[in-house]
Amino acid sequence: MASAGSAPSSRRSRTDFISTKWAKLFFAVVAIQMFICVAFEAYVFGRFQIAYEGTTADSPELESQYRTIPTFLTLFIFGFIYVLFLAWDALRLKNTIQIIGLCIANMALFIYTILQIEQIDDSIQELQAKGYLRDAFPGVEVRGAIKPFLVAIPAIIGVTTIAMSYVAYQLYHVFAWDILKQIGADYRMKKRLFWYQVYIALLKFDFFFFLGFTIQFLVIVSGKTDVELGLTIAAIPVTIGILLCAALFTQRETKLGMCSIILLFFGGLAYFFFKLVRIYQPIKEAHYRAVRRSLTAFAVLTILLIILTIINAFICMNNFGAGLKQHLVKPKGQDPEKEDANSYQMNEQKPPLSSRMTID
């Protein structure tokens, strides 16, 4: 009987995050956007690769132009999949702040896909002028074959962002009741949870924009020294570790760890300011020309996110010791699924009490 009771409970726990109408709708909207946009990006990538012929290895500048297109398209495909993952994660955690952040991130993707049109168009023109691209179809240039898809992508993202924003507003009211059940009606505790959720959401978006900037720098930018290349590659796993530790230290309310993380955030901020200035230095201009606009957009967004993350880190650290930890960290030895299963069994198997009173 116990196994029969635990199985339904386990199934319910896995699908609980989309149990409501608005949660299902939000996830469906993001999933539809991902499938359509990934299909369009994959088509553009495939059409470009088929049309490309020859090699640009002898010309670093043309090689950068060539690498721009596959890198952009791969980055966007990863971006759409990552947004879907964050949507699942936000619904699972009932994190309203992360859902609102997804709407803002989707708007950033909208702006970036508009920049993508011009940047890919410039790269194709330059490669075509040098004879590295043949027609996509007889009498149809590559630009003409892929441009409708490049234009359609931001249009789809724009419509999706509006739909996501409306559903996010509805989810805000749905999740408000869940938060009330979790931490009660204490306004100060709800405010502490709010800042914690903002901080965790920022860490997840920090990861994407840092990775996007780094990939573009590694693949497209020419003129890198071996030391610079090695340090940039090594920074990827180190950054992932820092972000994971930042979340753990905040949840466990470890002040020494948080102070160390904040210092590392300031180091990251200095790094991106340095890179932003370097992009526009005359001596380095030729190396960054193929990807200047997109790198600038990613660097500026990453700088803003790091500043917001530092501010929220101080706010969260100020809330240490105020009782939020007990709502975030589950006591060891407790299994929520077993508790749900036991609760299920008690409700199902408990014999009904007699409604008639007796006097002994």
Protein backbone atom coordinates (compact mmCIF):
# COMPACT_ATOMS: atom_id res chain seq x y z
CA MET A 1 0.00 0.00 0.00
CA ALA A 2 2.88 2.36 0.75
CA SER A 3 4.33 2.02 -2.71
CA ALA A 4 0.92 2.57 -4.27
CA GLY A 5 0.58 5.76 -2.27
CA SER A 6 4.07 7.09 -3.01
CA ALA A 7 3.85 6.63 -6.77
CA PRO A 8 0.99 9.11 -7.34
CA SER A 9 2.67 11.56 -4.95
CA SER A 10 5.97 11.30 -6.86
CA ARG A 11 4.21 11.89 -10.17
CA ARG A 12 2.40 14.89 -8.75
CA SER A 13 5.63 16.43 -7.41
CA ARG A 14 7.32 16.24 -10.81
CA THR A 15 4.49 18.00 -12.64
CA ASP A 16 3.38 20.33 -9.86
CA PHE A 17 5.11 23.32 -11.44
CA ILE A 18 2.67 23.32 -14.38
CA SER A 19 -0.42 22.35 -12.41
CA THR A 20 -2.15 25.70 -12.97
CA LYS A 21 -3.54 27.08 -16.20
CA TRP A 22 -1.26 30.14 -16.25
CA ALA A 23 1.89 28.09 -15.54
CA LYS A 24 1.06 25.75 -18.43
CA LEU A 25 0.41 28.72 -20.72
CA PHE A 26 3.67 30.48 -19.78
CA PHE A 27 5.75 27.35 -20.39
CA ALA A 28 3.91 26.65 -23.67
CA VAL A 29 4.52 30.21 -24.97
CA VAL A 30 8.26 30.01 -24.22
CA ALA A 31 8.50 26.50 -25.70
CA ILE A 32 6.74 27.54 -28.94
CA GLN A 33 9.11 30.52 -29.26
CA MET A 34 12.10 28.23 -28.77
CA PHE A 35 11.03 25.65 -31.37
CA ILE A 36 10.17 28.22 -34.06
CA CYS A 37 13.21 30.47 -33.54
CA VAL A 38 15.66 27.56 -33.23
CA ALA A 39 14.26 26.12 -36.48
CA PHE A 40 14.71 29.50 -38.23
CA GLU A 41 18.23 29.97 -36.87
CA ALA A 42 19.15 26.42 -37.87
CA TYR A 43 17.85 27.05 -41.39
CA VAL A 44 19.90 30.25 -41.71
CA PHE A 45 22.98 28.44 -40.38
CA GLY A 46 22.52 25.51 -42.78
CA ARG A 47 21.86 27.74 -45.80
CA PHE A 48 24.98 29.79 -45.07
CA GLN A 49 27.18 26.72 -44.62
CA ILE A 50 25.95 25.22 -47.91
CA ALA A 51 26.61 28.47 -49.79
CA TYR A 52 30.08 28.94 -48.29
CA GLU A 53 32.98 27.68 -50.39
CA GLY A 54 36.73 28.07 -50.25
CA THR A 55 38.74 29.03 -47.18
CA THR A 56 39.36 32.33 -45.44
CA ALA A 57 42.19 31.04 -43.26
CA ASP A 58 44.75 33.16 -45.13
CA SER A 59 42.93 36.38 -44.19
CA PRO A 60 42.31 36.89 -40.42
CA GLU A 61 39.83 39.68 -41.12
CA LEU A 62 37.74 37.57 -43.51
CA GLU A 63 38.03 34.60 -41.15
CA SER A 64 36.48 36.75 -38.41
CA GLN A 65 33.65 37.71 -40.75
CA TYR A 66 33.04 34.05 -41.56
CA ARG A 67 33.06 32.98 -37.91
CA THR A 68 30.61 35.75 -36.99
CA ILE A 69 27.64 34.01 -38.58
CA PRO A 70 27.98 30.47 -37.12
CA THR A 71 28.87 31.93 -33.71
CA PHE A 72 25.85 34.26 -33.64
CA LEU A 73 23.47 31.54 -34.71
CA THR A 74 24.84 28.99 -32.23
CA LEU A 75 24.68 31.58 -29.45
CA PHE A 76 21.05 32.37 -30.23
CA ILE A 77 20.09 28.70 -30.33
CA PHE A 78 21.68 28.26 -26.89
CA GLY A 79 19.92 31.44 -25.71
CA PHE A 80 16.44 30.19 -26.65
CA ILE A 81 17.07 26.81 -25.01
CA TYR A 82 18.43 28.54 -21.87
CA VAL A 83 15.34 30.77 -21.65
CA LEU A 84 13.14 27.67 -21.78
CA PHE A 85 15.22 26.06 -19.02
CA LEU A 86 14.91 29.21 -16.86
CA ALA A 87 11.14 29.23 -17.47
CA TRP A 88 10.92 25.65 -16.19
CA ASP A 89 13.16 26.56 -13.25
CA ALA A 90 11.12 29.67 -12.34
CA LEU A 91 7.80 27.79 -12.47
CA ARG A 92 9.25 24.92 -10.42
CA LEU A 93 10.50 27.34 -7.74
CA LYS A 94 7.47 29.64 -8.07
CA ASN A 95 9.93 32.51 -8.44
CA THR A 96 7.92 35.50 -9.68
CA ILE A 97 11.03 37.66 -9.90
CA GLN A 98 12.74 35.22 -12.26
CA ILE A 99 9.62 35.12 -14.43
CA ILE A 100 9.64 38.91 -14.69
CA GLY A 101 13.38 38.72 -15.42
CA LEU A 102 12.65 36.30 -18.26
CA CYS A 103 10.33 38.87 -19.85
CA ILE A 104 13.13 41.46 -19.66
CA ALA A 105 15.69 38.94 -20.99
CA ASN A 106 13.36 38.16 -23.87
CA MET A 107 13.24 41.86 -24.69
CA ALA A 108 17.05 41.89 -24.68
CA LEU A 109 16.99 38.98 -27.15
CA PHE A 110 14.54 40.99 -29.26
CA ILE A 111 16.98 43.92 -29.45
CA TYR A 112 19.92 41.62 -30.09
CA THR A 113 18.19 39.78 -32.95
CA ILE A 114 17.60 43.15 -34.61
CA LEU A 115 21.36 43.83 -34.35
CA GLN A 116 21.94 40.35 -35.75
CA ILE A 117 20.25 41.25 -39.06
CA GLU A 118 22.66 44.06 -39.89
CA GLN A 119 25.77 42.29 -38.58
CA ILE A 120 25.12 39.07 -40.53
CA ASP A 121 24.20 41.10 -43.61
CA ASP A 122 27.53 42.98 -43.43
CA SER A 123 29.49 39.73 -43.07
CA ILE A 124 27.69 38.10 -46.02
CA GLN A 125 28.28 41.15 -48.24
CA GLU A 126 31.99 41.13 -47.47
CA LEU A 127 32.36 37.39 -48.04
CA GLN A 128 30.28 37.56 -51.20
CA ALA A 129 32.37 40.41 -52.59
CA LYS A 130 35.49 38.26 -52.17
CA GLY A 131 33.84 35.29 -53.92
CA TYR A 132 33.48 33.01 -50.89
CA LEU A 133 29.70 32.55 -51.18
CA ARG A 134 27.74 31.07 -54.06
CA ASP A 135 24.01 31.54 -54.66
CA ALA A 136 21.67 29.77 -52.26
CA PHE A 137 19.36 28.85 -55.15
CA PRO A 138 19.75 29.45 -58.90
CA GLY A 139 19.46 33.23 -59.28
CA VAL A 140 18.87 33.75 -55.53
CA GLU A 141 21.68 35.16 -53.38
CA VAL A 142 22.25 33.96 -49.84
CA ARG A 143 21.15 37.33 -48.43
CA GLY A 144 17.80 37.08 -50.17
CA ALA A 145 17.26 33.49 -49.05
CA ILE A 146 17.91 34.03 -45.33
CA LYS A 147 16.83 37.63 -44.69
CA PRO A 148 13.07 36.86 -44.33
CA PHE A 149 13.91 34.40 -41.56
CA LEU A 150 16.24 36.87 -39.83
CA VAL A 151 13.50 39.52 -39.92
CA ALA A 152 10.82 37.09 -38.72
CA ILE A 153 12.78 36.09 -35.60
CA PRO A 154 12.59 39.47 -33.78
CA ALA A 155 8.93 39.77 -34.79
CA ILE A 156 8.19 36.40 -33.16
CA ILE A 157 10.19 37.36 -30.06
CA GLY A 158 8.33 40.68 -29.79
CA VAL A 159 4.90 39.00 -29.87
CA THR A 160 6.09 36.31 -27.45
CA THR A 161 7.41 38.93 -25.00
CA ILE A 162 4.00 40.64 -24.90
CA ALA A 163 2.29 37.28 -24.27
CA MET A 164 4.86 36.35 -21.59
CA SER A 165 4.36 39.68 -19.81
CA TYR A 166 0.59 39.22 -19.64
CA VAL A 167 0.86 35.65 -18.33
CA ALA A 168 3.58 36.75 -15.86
CA TYR A 169 1.13 39.29 -14.41
CA GLN A 170 -1.39 36.49 -13.83
CA LEU A 171 1.27 34.22 -12.31
CA TYR A 172 2.23 36.99 -9.89
CA HIS A 173 -1.19 36.67 -8.26
CA VAL A 174 -1.09 32.86 -8.35
CA PHE A 175 2.32 32.62 -6.69
CA ALA A 176 1.52 35.29 -4.08
CA TRP A 177 -0.68 32.77 -2.29
CA ASP A 178 2.07 30.12 -2.36
CA ILE A 179 4.55 32.58 -0.83
CA LEU A 180 2.00 33.42 1.86
CA LYS A 181 1.69 29.71 2.72
CA GLN A 182 5.48 29.31 2.75
CA ILE A 183 6.53 32.19 5.01
CA GLY A 184 3.27 33.57 6.40
CA ALA A 185 1.98 37.13 6.40
CA ASP A 186 5.14 38.73 7.84
CA TYR A 187 5.82 41.71 5.53
CA ARG A 188 9.49 41.99 6.50
CA MET A 189 10.09 38.29 5.81
CA LYS A 190 8.38 38.61 2.41
CA LYS A 191 10.67 41.54 1.63
CA ARG A 192 13.75 39.48 2.55
CA LEU A 193 12.52 36.64 0.32
CA PHE A 194 11.96 39.16 -2.48
CA TRP A 195 15.58 40.35 -2.40
CA TYR A 196 16.84 36.75 -2.19
CA GLN A 197 14.81 35.81 -5.29
CA VAL A 198 16.10 38.89 -7.15
CA TYR A 199 19.69 37.90 -6.30
CA ILE A 200 19.30 34.27 -7.43
CA ALA A 201 17.63 35.35 -10.68
CA LEU A 202 20.44 37.84 -11.39
CA LEU A 203 23.06 35.10 -10.93
CA LYS A 204 21.34 32.96 -13.58
CA PHE A 205 21.22 35.83 -16.08
CA ASP A 206 24.83 36.79 -15.25
CA PHE A 207 25.87 33.33 -16.42
CA PHE A 208 24.25 33.66 -19.84
CA PHE A 209 25.59 37.12 -20.66
CA PHE A 210 29.09 36.32 -19.40
CA LEU A 211 29.16 33.12 -21.46
CA GLY A 212 27.78 34.92 -24.54
CA PHE A 213 30.46 37.60 -24.35
CA THR A 214 33.25 35.06 -23.77
CA ILE A 215 32.23 32.79 -26.66
CA GLN A 216 32.16 35.70 -29.10
CA PHE A 217 35.52 36.91 -27.87
CA LEU A 218 37.14 33.47 -28.13
CA VAL A 219 35.75 32.49 -31.54
CA ILE A 220 35.51 35.73 -33.52
CA VAL A 221 38.03 38.26 -32.19
CA SER A 222 41.43 37.94 -33.83
CA GLY A 223 44.86 39.00 -32.55
CA LYS A 224 44.63 37.28 -29.16
CA THR A 225 47.85 36.24 -27.43
CA ASP A 226 48.23 32.70 -26.10
CA VAL A 227 48.15 33.97 -22.52
CA GLU A 228 44.97 35.97 -23.12
CA LEU A 229 43.33 33.00 -24.82
CA GLY A 230 44.26 30.61 -22.00
CA LEU A 231 43.08 32.96 -19.24
CA THR A 232 39.76 33.58 -21.02
CA ILE A 233 39.10 29.84 -21.42
CA ALA A 234 40.03 29.19 -17.79
CA ALA A 235 37.64 31.96 -16.68
CA ILE A 236 34.58 29.98 -17.85
CA PRO A 237 34.65 27.14 -15.26
CA VAL A 238 35.92 29.54 -12.60
CA THR A 239 32.95 31.87 -13.21
CA ILE A 240 30.47 28.98 -13.03
CA GLY A 241 32.00 27.97 -9.70
CA ILE A 242 31.79 31.55 -8.38
CA LEU A 243 28.10 31.85 -9.32
CA LEU A 244 27.26 28.50 -7.68
CA CYS A 245 29.12 29.49 -4.52
CA ALA A 246 27.37 32.89 -4.53
CA ALA A 247 23.98 31.14 -4.43
CA LEU A 248 25.09 28.62 -1.78
CA PHE A 249 26.66 31.23 0.52
CA THR A 250 23.52 33.35 0.37
CA GLN A 251 21.23 30.42 1.12
CA ARG A 252 23.45 29.24 4.00
CA GLU A 253 24.03 32.85 5.20
CA THR A 254 27.83 32.58 5.19
CA LYS A 255 29.17 36.12 5.63
CA LEU A 256 32.84 35.39 4.97
CA GLY A 257 31.96 33.57 1.77
CA MET A 258 29.68 36.43 0.66
CA CYS A 259 32.44 39.00 1.26
CA SER A 260 34.78 36.95 -0.93
CA ILE A 261 32.15 36.65 -3.66
CA ILE A 262 31.48 40.40 -3.65
CA LEU A 263 35.21 41.08 -4.08
CA LEU A 264 35.23 38.69 -7.05
CA PHE A 265 32.21 40.50 -8.51
CA PHE A 266 34.15 43.77 -8.35
CA GLY A 267 37.01 42.02 -10.17
CA GLY A 268 34.56 40.88 -12.87
CA LEU A 269 33.22 44.42 -13.15
CA ALA A 270 36.73 45.78 -13.71
CA TYR A 271 37.37 43.09 -16.35
CA PHE A 272 34.31 44.01 -18.41
CA PHE A 273 35.05 47.74 -18.16
CA PHE A 274 38.55 46.96 -19.44
CA LYS A 275 37.17 44.92 -22.33
CA LEU A 276 34.63 47.59 -23.24
CA VAL A 277 37.34 50.25 -23.43
CA ARG A 278 39.62 47.92 -25.38
CA ILE A 279 36.98 47.28 -28.06
CA TYR A 280 37.20 50.96 -29.07
CA GLN A 281 40.95 51.44 -28.81
CA PRO A 282 42.33 52.42 -32.27
CA ILE A 283 45.18 49.92 -31.97
CA LYS A 284 42.68 47.04 -31.46
CA GLU A 285 39.91 48.28 -33.75
CA ALA A 286 40.64 45.86 -36.61
CA HIS A 287 40.50 42.81 -34.30
CA TYR A 288 37.03 43.67 -32.97
CA ARG A 289 35.46 45.14 -36.12
CA ALA A 290 33.48 42.02 -37.09
CA VAL A 291 31.74 41.79 -33.73
CA ARG A 292 32.01 45.26 -32.21
CA ARG A 293 28.28 46.03 -31.91
CA SER A 294 27.31 42.68 -30.38
CA LEU A 295 30.26 42.60 -27.97
CA THR A 296 29.41 46.13 -26.85
CA ALA A 297 25.79 45.15 -26.21
CA PHE A 298 26.84 42.08 -24.22
CA ALA A 299 29.51 43.98 -22.26
CA VAL A 300 27.12 46.81 -21.30
CA LEU A 301 24.37 44.39 -20.24
CA THR A 302 26.84 42.29 -18.25
CA ILE A 303 28.21 45.39 -16.49
CA LEU A 304 24.67 46.47 -15.53
CA LEU A 305 23.84 42.98 -14.28
CA ILE A 306 27.03 42.76 -12.19
CA ILE A 307 26.31 46.16 -10.60
CA LEU A 308 22.77 45.04 -9.73
CA THR A 309 24.12 41.72 -8.43
CA ILE A 310 26.61 43.50 -6.13
CA ILE A 311 23.88 45.78 -4.75
CA ASN A 312 21.60 42.80 -4.09
CA ALA A 313 24.46 40.83 -2.53
CA PHE A 314 24.89 43.58 0.09
CA ILE A 315 21.12 43.68 0.72
CA CYS A 316 20.95 39.88 1.13
CA MET A 317 23.97 39.89 3.46
CA ASN A 318 22.30 42.58 5.56
CA ASN A 319 19.31 40.23 5.96
CA PHE A 320 21.42 37.38 7.37
CA GLY A 321 20.29 36.12 10.77
CA ALA A 322 16.74 37.46 10.40
CA GLY A 323 15.04 34.07 10.00
CA LEU A 324 14.90 33.63 6.23
CA LYS A 325 17.38 30.74 6.26
CA GLN A 326 14.94 28.37 7.94
CA HIS A 327 12.51 28.89 5.04
CA LEU A 328 15.21 28.27 2.41
CA VAL A 329 17.24 25.37 3.85
CA LYS A 330 15.37 22.11 4.44
CA PRO A 331 16.36 20.20 7.58
CA LYS A 332 18.45 17.10 6.92
CA GLY A 333 16.65 13.79 6.92
CA GLN A 334 13.33 15.11 5.65
CA ASP A 335 12.06 13.90 2.32
CA PRO A 336 9.21 16.06 1.00
CA GLU A 337 8.01 13.26 -1.29
CA LYS A 338 7.81 10.83 1.64
CA GLU A 339 5.95 13.41 3.66
CA ASP A 340 3.53 13.89 0.79
CA ALA A 341 3.17 10.12 0.45
CA ASN A 342 2.48 9.67 4.16
CA SER A 343 -0.01 12.49 4.07
CA TYR A 344 -1.67 10.90 1.06
CA GLN A 345 -1.88 7.52 2.78
CA MET A 346 -3.30 8.96 5.98
CA ASN A 347 -5.97 10.84 4.10
CA GLU A 348 -6.85 7.82 2.00
CA GLN A 349 -6.68 5.07 4.62
CA LYS A 350 -7.77 6.74 7.84
CA PRO A 351 -11.11 5.27 8.89
CA PRO A 352 -13.96 7.77 9.10
CA LEU A 353 -14.79 9.01 12.55
CA SER A 354 -18.23 8.28 13.86
CA SER A 355 -20.48 11.29 13.69
CA ARG A 356 -22.51 10.07 16.69
CA MET A 357 -21.33 11.05 20.17
CA THR A 358 -21.40 8.38 22.88
CA ILE A 359 -21.17 8.70 26.66
CA ASP A 360 -19.42 5.93 28.55
